[in-house]
Protein backbone atom coordinates (compact mmCIF):
# COMPACT_ATOMS: atom_id res chain seq x y z
CA UNK A 1 215.73 -78.32 -30.41
CA UNK A 2 214.28 -81.34 -32.21
CA UNK A 3 212.11 -80.69 -35.24
CA UNK A 4 208.89 -82.67 -35.50
CA UNK A 5 207.80 -84.40 -38.69
CA UNK A 6 205.71 -81.49 -39.94
CA UNK A 7 208.56 -79.03 -39.47
CA UNK A 8 211.01 -81.27 -41.31
CA UNK A 9 208.52 -81.70 -44.15
CA UNK A 10 208.09 -77.91 -44.39
CA UNK A 11 211.86 -77.42 -44.55
CA UNK A 12 212.11 -80.05 -47.28
CA UNK A 13 209.34 -78.39 -49.28
CA UNK A 14 210.87 -74.95 -48.88
CA UNK A 15 214.21 -76.29 -50.10
CA UNK A 16 212.46 -77.91 -53.07
CA UNK A 17 210.86 -74.56 -53.94
CA UNK A 18 214.25 -72.85 -53.90
CA UNK A 19 215.74 -75.54 -56.13
CA UNK A 20 212.79 -75.30 -58.52
CA UNK A 21 213.18 -71.52 -58.74
CA UNK A 22 216.88 -72.00 -59.43
CA UNK A 23 216.01 -74.24 -62.36
CA UNK A 24 213.38 -71.84 -63.74
CA UNK A 25 214.04 -69.39 -66.53
CA UNK A 26 214.16 -66.28 -64.39
CA UNK A 27 210.78 -66.35 -62.65
CA UNK A 28 207.96 -68.76 -61.88
CA UNK A 29 204.43 -68.39 -60.55
CA UNK A 30 202.89 -70.08 -57.55
CA UNK A 31 200.63 -72.30 -59.70
CA UNK A 32 203.50 -73.51 -61.82
CA UNK A 33 205.74 -74.23 -58.81
CA UNK A 34 202.96 -76.03 -56.94
CA UNK A 35 202.25 -78.20 -59.99
CA UNK A 36 205.90 -79.09 -60.54
CA UNK A 37 206.38 -80.10 -56.91
CA UNK A 38 203.00 -81.71 -56.35
CA UNK A 39 202.00 -79.22 -53.65
CA UNK A 40 198.70 -77.55 -52.90
CA UNK A 41 198.78 -73.99 -54.19
CA UNK A 42 198.03 -72.64 -50.71
CA UNK A 43 200.99 -74.58 -49.27
CA UNK A 44 203.36 -73.28 -51.95
CA UNK A 45 202.08 -69.74 -51.44
CA UNK A 46 202.59 -69.92 -47.67
CA UNK A 47 206.12 -71.28 -47.98
CA UNK A 48 207.07 -68.68 -50.60
CA UNK A 49 205.78 -65.89 -48.35
CA UNK A 50 208.02 -67.18 -45.53
CA UNK A 51 211.03 -67.41 -47.84
CA UNK A 52 210.32 -63.88 -49.06
CA UNK A 53 210.41 -62.54 -45.48
CA UNK A 54 213.92 -63.96 -45.16
CA UNK A 55 215.05 -62.47 -48.46
CA UNK A 56 215.56 -65.88 -50.02
CA UNK A 57 213.02 -65.17 -52.77
CA UNK A 58 211.58 -62.00 -54.30
CA UNK A 59 208.17 -61.40 -55.86
CA UNK A 60 207.66 -59.25 -58.92
CA UNK A 61 205.16 -56.54 -58.07
CA UNK A 62 203.52 -56.61 -61.51
CA UNK A 63 203.47 -60.27 -62.52
CA UNK A 64 203.28 -61.77 -59.02
CA UNK A 65 205.91 -64.32 -60.02
CA UNK A 66 208.85 -65.29 -57.81
CA UNK A 67 212.60 -65.40 -58.35
CA UNK A 68 215.59 -66.17 -56.16
CA UNK A 69 216.46 -63.32 -53.78
CA UNK A 70 219.68 -61.46 -53.17
CA UNK A 71 220.29 -63.38 -49.95
CA UNK A 72 220.68 -66.56 -52.02
CA UNK A 73 223.26 -64.82 -54.20
CA UNK A 74 225.21 -63.65 -51.15
CA UNK A 75 225.10 -67.12 -49.63
CA UNK A 76 226.32 -68.66 -52.88
CA UNK A 77 229.20 -66.20 -53.14
CA UNK A 78 230.15 -66.82 -49.51
CA UNK A 79 229.97 -70.59 -49.94
CA UNK A 80 232.19 -70.45 -53.02
CA UNK A 81 234.69 -68.23 -51.26
CA UNK A 82 234.89 -70.29 -48.10
CA UNK A 83 235.09 -73.61 -49.92
CA UNK A 84 238.00 -72.36 -52.01
CA UNK A 85 239.70 -70.85 -49.00
CA UNK A 86 239.24 -73.98 -46.92
CA UNK A 87 240.74 -76.24 -49.56
CA UNK A 88 243.69 -73.93 -50.11
CA UNK A 89 244.31 -73.22 -46.43
CA UNK A 90 243.97 -76.69 -44.87
CA UNK A 91 247.45 -77.98 -45.82
CA UNK A 92 249.02 -74.87 -44.29
CA UNK A 93 246.83 -75.04 -41.19
CA UNK A 94 247.75 -78.70 -40.67
CA UNK A 95 251.45 -77.96 -41.14
CA UNK A 96 251.21 -75.06 -38.70
CA UNK A 97 249.39 -77.20 -36.13
CA UNK A 98 252.13 -79.83 -36.32
CA UNK A 99 254.83 -77.19 -36.05
CA UNK A 100 253.37 -75.35 -33.06
CA UNK A 101 251.58 -78.27 -31.35
CA UNK A 102 248.56 -75.96 -31.06
CA UNK A 103 245.16 -75.59 -32.72
CA UNK A 104 245.13 -73.48 -35.87
CA UNK A 105 242.20 -71.96 -37.73
CA UNK A 106 241.03 -69.81 -40.61
CA UNK A 107 238.37 -67.15 -40.12
CA UNK A 108 236.52 -64.80 -42.45
CA UNK A 109 234.33 -61.75 -42.02
CA UNK A 110 230.66 -62.71 -41.84
CA UNK A 111 228.63 -59.55 -41.41
CA UNK A 112 229.76 -58.09 -38.09
CA UNK A 113 231.19 -61.37 -36.81
CA UNK A 114 234.09 -63.71 -37.34
CA UNK A 115 233.20 -67.07 -38.90
CA UNK A 116 235.66 -69.93 -38.47
CA UNK A 117 235.69 -71.92 -41.72
CA UNK A 118 238.58 -74.32 -41.12
CA UNK A 119 240.47 -75.74 -38.16
CA UNK A 120 243.39 -78.12 -37.63
CA UNK A 121 244.24 -79.58 -34.24
CA UNK A 122 247.76 -79.98 -32.93
CA UNK A 123 249.04 -83.14 -31.21
CA UNK A 124 248.55 -81.85 -27.66
CA UNK A 125 246.30 -83.99 -25.51
CA UNK A 126 244.29 -81.08 -24.12
CA UNK A 127 242.07 -79.94 -26.99
CA UNK A 128 240.25 -76.61 -27.23
CA UNK A 129 237.15 -77.78 -29.10
CA UNK A 130 236.00 -77.48 -32.70
CA UNK A 131 235.05 -73.92 -33.66
CA UNK A 132 234.35 -74.61 -37.33
CA UNK A 133 231.09 -72.96 -38.35
CA UNK A 134 230.90 -70.88 -35.18
CA UNK A 135 230.56 -67.11 -35.27
CA UNK A 136 232.27 -64.93 -32.65
CA UNK A 137 232.37 -61.16 -32.09
CA UNK A 138 235.10 -59.28 -33.92
CA UNK A 139 236.35 -57.07 -31.11
CA UNK A 140 237.36 -59.79 -28.67
CA UNK A 141 239.07 -62.51 -30.71
CA UNK A 142 242.45 -62.32 -32.44
CA UNK A 143 241.31 -63.09 -35.98
CA UNK A 144 238.34 -60.80 -35.53
CA UNK A 145 240.62 -57.91 -34.67
CA UNK A 146 242.81 -58.67 -37.69
CA UNK A 147 239.76 -58.46 -39.96
CA UNK A 148 238.39 -55.41 -38.17
CA UNK A 149 241.73 -53.64 -38.66
CA UNK A 150 241.30 -54.02 -42.43
CA UNK A 151 237.88 -52.37 -42.78
CA UNK A 152 237.12 -48.66 -43.12
CA UNK A 153 237.06 -46.71 -39.86
CA UNK A 154 233.43 -45.79 -40.44
CA UNK A 155 232.60 -49.50 -40.23
CA UNK A 156 234.46 -49.76 -36.95
CA UNK A 157 232.53 -46.75 -35.63
CA UNK A 158 229.26 -48.35 -36.69
CA UNK A 159 230.08 -51.57 -34.86
CA UNK A 160 231.17 -49.71 -31.74
CA UNK A 161 227.98 -47.61 -31.70
CA UNK A 162 225.97 -50.82 -31.53
CA UNK A 163 227.81 -51.65 -28.32
CA UNK A 164 230.78 -53.92 -27.56
CA UNK A 165 229.98 -56.72 -25.14
CA UNK A 166 232.45 -57.29 -22.32
CA UNK A 167 233.20 -61.01 -22.03
CA UNK A 168 236.05 -60.76 -19.53
CA UNK A 169 237.86 -57.99 -17.68
CA UNK A 170 240.27 -57.81 -20.62
CA UNK A 171 237.68 -57.19 -23.35
CA UNK A 172 238.08 -53.88 -25.16
CA UNK A 173 234.73 -52.10 -25.07
CA UNK A 174 235.62 -48.43 -25.73
CA UNK A 175 236.28 -46.75 -29.07
CA UNK A 176 239.67 -45.12 -28.44
CA UNK A 177 241.42 -48.20 -27.02
CA UNK A 178 239.99 -50.25 -29.86
CA UNK A 179 241.23 -47.83 -32.53
CA UNK A 180 244.66 -47.84 -30.91
CA UNK A 181 244.69 -51.63 -30.90
CA UNK A 182 243.66 -51.81 -34.56
CA UNK A 183 246.39 -49.32 -35.49
CA UNK A 184 248.96 -51.52 -33.69
CA UNK A 185 247.73 -54.56 -35.60
CA UNK A 186 248.10 -52.77 -38.94
CA UNK A 187 251.58 -51.59 -37.97
CA UNK A 188 253.00 -54.91 -36.85
CA UNK A 189 250.94 -57.22 -39.05
CA UNK A 190 249.37 -59.51 -36.47
CA UNK A 191 247.00 -59.52 -33.51
CA UNK A 192 247.20 -61.28 -30.18
CA UNK A 193 244.40 -62.36 -27.91
CA UNK A 194 245.04 -63.00 -24.25
CA UNK A 195 241.88 -63.73 -22.32
CA UNK A 196 239.44 -61.23 -23.83
CA UNK A 197 236.78 -63.60 -25.09
CA UNK A 198 237.34 -66.41 -22.63
CA UNK A 199 239.70 -66.35 -19.67
CA UNK A 200 242.42 -68.95 -20.01
CA UNK A 201 242.28 -68.98 -23.82
CA UNK A 202 244.99 -67.17 -25.80
CA UNK A 203 245.65 -66.68 -29.52
CA UNK A 204 247.71 -64.96 -32.18
CA UNK A 205 246.48 -64.20 -35.71
CA UNK A 206 247.78 -62.89 -39.04
CA UNK A 207 246.01 -61.65 -42.20
CA UNK A 208 245.54 -63.50 -45.48
CA UNK A 209 245.53 -61.32 -48.62
CA UNK A 210 244.01 -61.90 -52.04
CA UNK A 211 245.55 -61.04 -55.41
CA UNK A 212 244.53 -57.39 -54.99
CA UNK A 213 246.16 -57.13 -51.59
CA UNK A 214 242.85 -57.07 -49.69
CA UNK A 215 242.58 -58.86 -46.35
CA UNK A 216 240.05 -61.64 -46.90
CA UNK A 217 240.76 -64.00 -44.00
CA UNK A 218 242.91 -64.52 -40.93
CA UNK A 219 245.03 -67.44 -39.77
CA UNK A 220 245.19 -68.03 -36.05
CA UNK A 221 247.02 -70.18 -33.54
CA UNK A 222 245.29 -70.64 -30.21
CA UNK A 223 245.19 -72.74 -27.09
CA UNK A 224 245.07 -72.78 -23.29
CA UNK A 225 246.87 -69.89 -21.60
CA UNK A 226 249.17 -72.20 -19.66
CA UNK A 227 250.54 -73.47 -23.00
CA UNK A 228 250.20 -70.44 -25.24
CA UNK A 229 251.99 -68.00 -22.97
CA UNK A 230 252.98 -64.38 -23.69
CA UNK A 231 256.60 -65.57 -23.92
CA UNK A 232 255.69 -67.68 -26.96
CA UNK A 233 253.82 -64.89 -28.79
CA UNK A 234 256.75 -63.55 -30.87
CA UNK A 235 257.59 -67.01 -32.20
CA UNK A 236 253.96 -67.90 -32.87
CA UNK A 237 253.28 -64.54 -34.52
CA UNK A 238 256.11 -65.14 -36.99
CA UNK A 239 254.84 -68.65 -37.72
CA UNK A 240 251.27 -67.43 -38.22
CA UNK A 241 252.52 -64.75 -40.59
CA UNK A 242 254.48 -67.28 -42.59
CA UNK A 243 251.45 -69.56 -42.94
CA UNK A 244 249.17 -66.64 -43.87
CA UNK A 245 251.69 -65.49 -46.48
CA UNK A 246 251.83 -68.99 -47.99
CA UNK A 247 248.04 -69.08 -48.29
CA UNK A 248 248.07 -65.57 -49.79
CA UNK A 249 250.52 -66.70 -52.49
CA UNK A 250 248.22 -69.59 -53.41
CA UNK A 251 245.38 -67.08 -53.74
CA UNK A 252 247.42 -65.04 -56.21
CA UNK A 253 248.92 -62.56 -53.76
CA UNK A 254 252.58 -61.84 -53.21
CA UNK A 255 252.73 -63.01 -49.61
CA UNK A 256 254.68 -59.85 -48.81
CA UNK A 257 254.22 -58.52 -45.29
CA UNK A 258 252.52 -55.14 -45.09
CA UNK A 259 254.00 -54.24 -41.70
CA UNK A 260 257.36 -54.49 -40.01
CA UNK A 261 257.64 -58.02 -38.65
CA UNK A 262 260.45 -59.98 -37.01
CA UNK A 263 261.84 -63.01 -38.75
CA UNK A 264 261.40 -66.29 -36.93
CA UNK A 265 265.00 -66.14 -35.73
CA UNK A 266 264.50 -62.60 -34.42
CA UNK A 267 261.25 -63.61 -32.79
CA UNK A 268 262.92 -66.50 -31.00
CA UNK A 269 265.66 -64.25 -29.65
CA UNK A 270 263.18 -61.54 -28.68
CA UNK A 271 260.86 -63.95 -26.91
CA UNK A 272 263.05 -63.86 -23.83
CA UNK A 273 261.81 -60.35 -23.04
CA UNK A 274 258.11 -61.23 -23.27
CA UNK A 275 256.60 -60.81 -19.83
CA UNK A 276 253.57 -62.16 -18.08
CA UNK A 277 250.13 -60.82 -19.03
CA UNK A 278 249.83 -57.08 -18.36
CA UNK A 279 246.83 -54.94 -17.61
CA UNK A 280 244.42 -55.21 -20.52
CA UNK A 281 244.14 -51.58 -21.59
CA UNK A 282 247.62 -50.32 -20.84
CA UNK A 283 249.93 -51.60 -23.59
CA UNK A 284 253.55 -50.53 -23.48
CA UNK A 285 255.09 -48.87 -26.50
CA UNK A 286 257.46 -51.34 -28.13
CA UNK A 287 258.77 -51.24 -31.69
CA UNK A 288 256.95 -53.74 -33.88
CA UNK A 289 260.06 -55.85 -34.40
CA UNK A 290 260.34 -56.54 -30.67
CA UNK A 291 258.13 -58.73 -28.52
CA UNK A 292 254.48 -57.72 -28.89
CA UNK A 293 253.07 -54.95 -26.79
CA UNK A 294 251.45 -56.01 -23.63
CA UNK A 295 247.94 -56.74 -24.67
CA UNK A 296 244.84 -55.09 -24.85
CA UNK A 297 244.53 -58.23 -26.71
CA UNK A 298 242.15 -60.89 -27.20
CA UNK A 299 241.65 -64.37 -26.01
CA UNK A 300 240.50 -66.11 -28.95
CA UNK A 301 238.69 -68.66 -30.66
CA UNK A 302 239.78 -68.16 -34.16
C-alpha cells in the first residue's frame, strides 16, 4: 500500500505531537501543542483523538490535557530490550551461522507471537529469506515453542482457547499434545521444528536466559529440510545451546543448562540413530541425552 501525500503528512504531524508530548513537563493541552507545532487546533485535536484510540496518548479527565500513553512506555521498553539483545547476540549468531552453514536467528516474545529481532545468514547458496521484524505464531515455530514452554500454563491455556491455526499437517493444534511437547522442551532444553509452519522448512532452537534465570529470547538454526535433516538435529541442538548459553552469560546469566543435554561430542555420536521424519503427533520416548524425539515439532522461521 502506497500512502498519498496527505496520509504521509498526517503521520508526520502525529509523530511530531508525540515528540512534543515527550518534551513536555508531564502534560500539555491541545492549544499549547497546536501553537508549538504550527497546527490548527482542530487538526491537533483530531490527531490526538486518533493517537488516544491506539493508546499512544492519554487524556486527563479533569484538565483535558494529554500525556504519553502506556503503549509508548511498552514500546520504549521493548525497543531498549531488543536493541541490547541484538547487539549482544549478533556476534554469536554470525559465529553460529558460519559453523553450521545455516541461517541463525534470535526471537523474543511479542504478545502472543514470536518476533525475530536478529538474523545471520550462513554461506549456503540457497537462502531462506530475511525474517527480521516478522511475527510468527508461537505454537508452530521452534523458537516460539521454546518461549511458550517458559510461560505459565494458564497463559498457554489462554492461547489455546483462542484457537491454534493449522499451517501444515504437522502443526500441533490440540492442548494435550502441545503441553506434552512443551514439557519435552523444558526437559531437554531445546525445541525442534520439522515442517509445522511451512513444509520443507526445519529448525532447532534453544533458550536465552537473563541474570535472573528467566527465558527472555531464543536462538534458532533453520533452513531447508533437505539440508537441515533430522539426522543433524542432535548436533545442531548442542550448537544452538552453546550459542544461547554464551549470549546468556553476556546478559549476566550463568549460561548453565537447565535440562539434561548432550555435549557436542555425544550429539555427534548419537546423530547416527536419528531417523527420517516421523508422524507429527506420535513422538517416541527417548531419554533427553539421546537423539531428539521424533517430532511433533515445528518447521520454523525463527
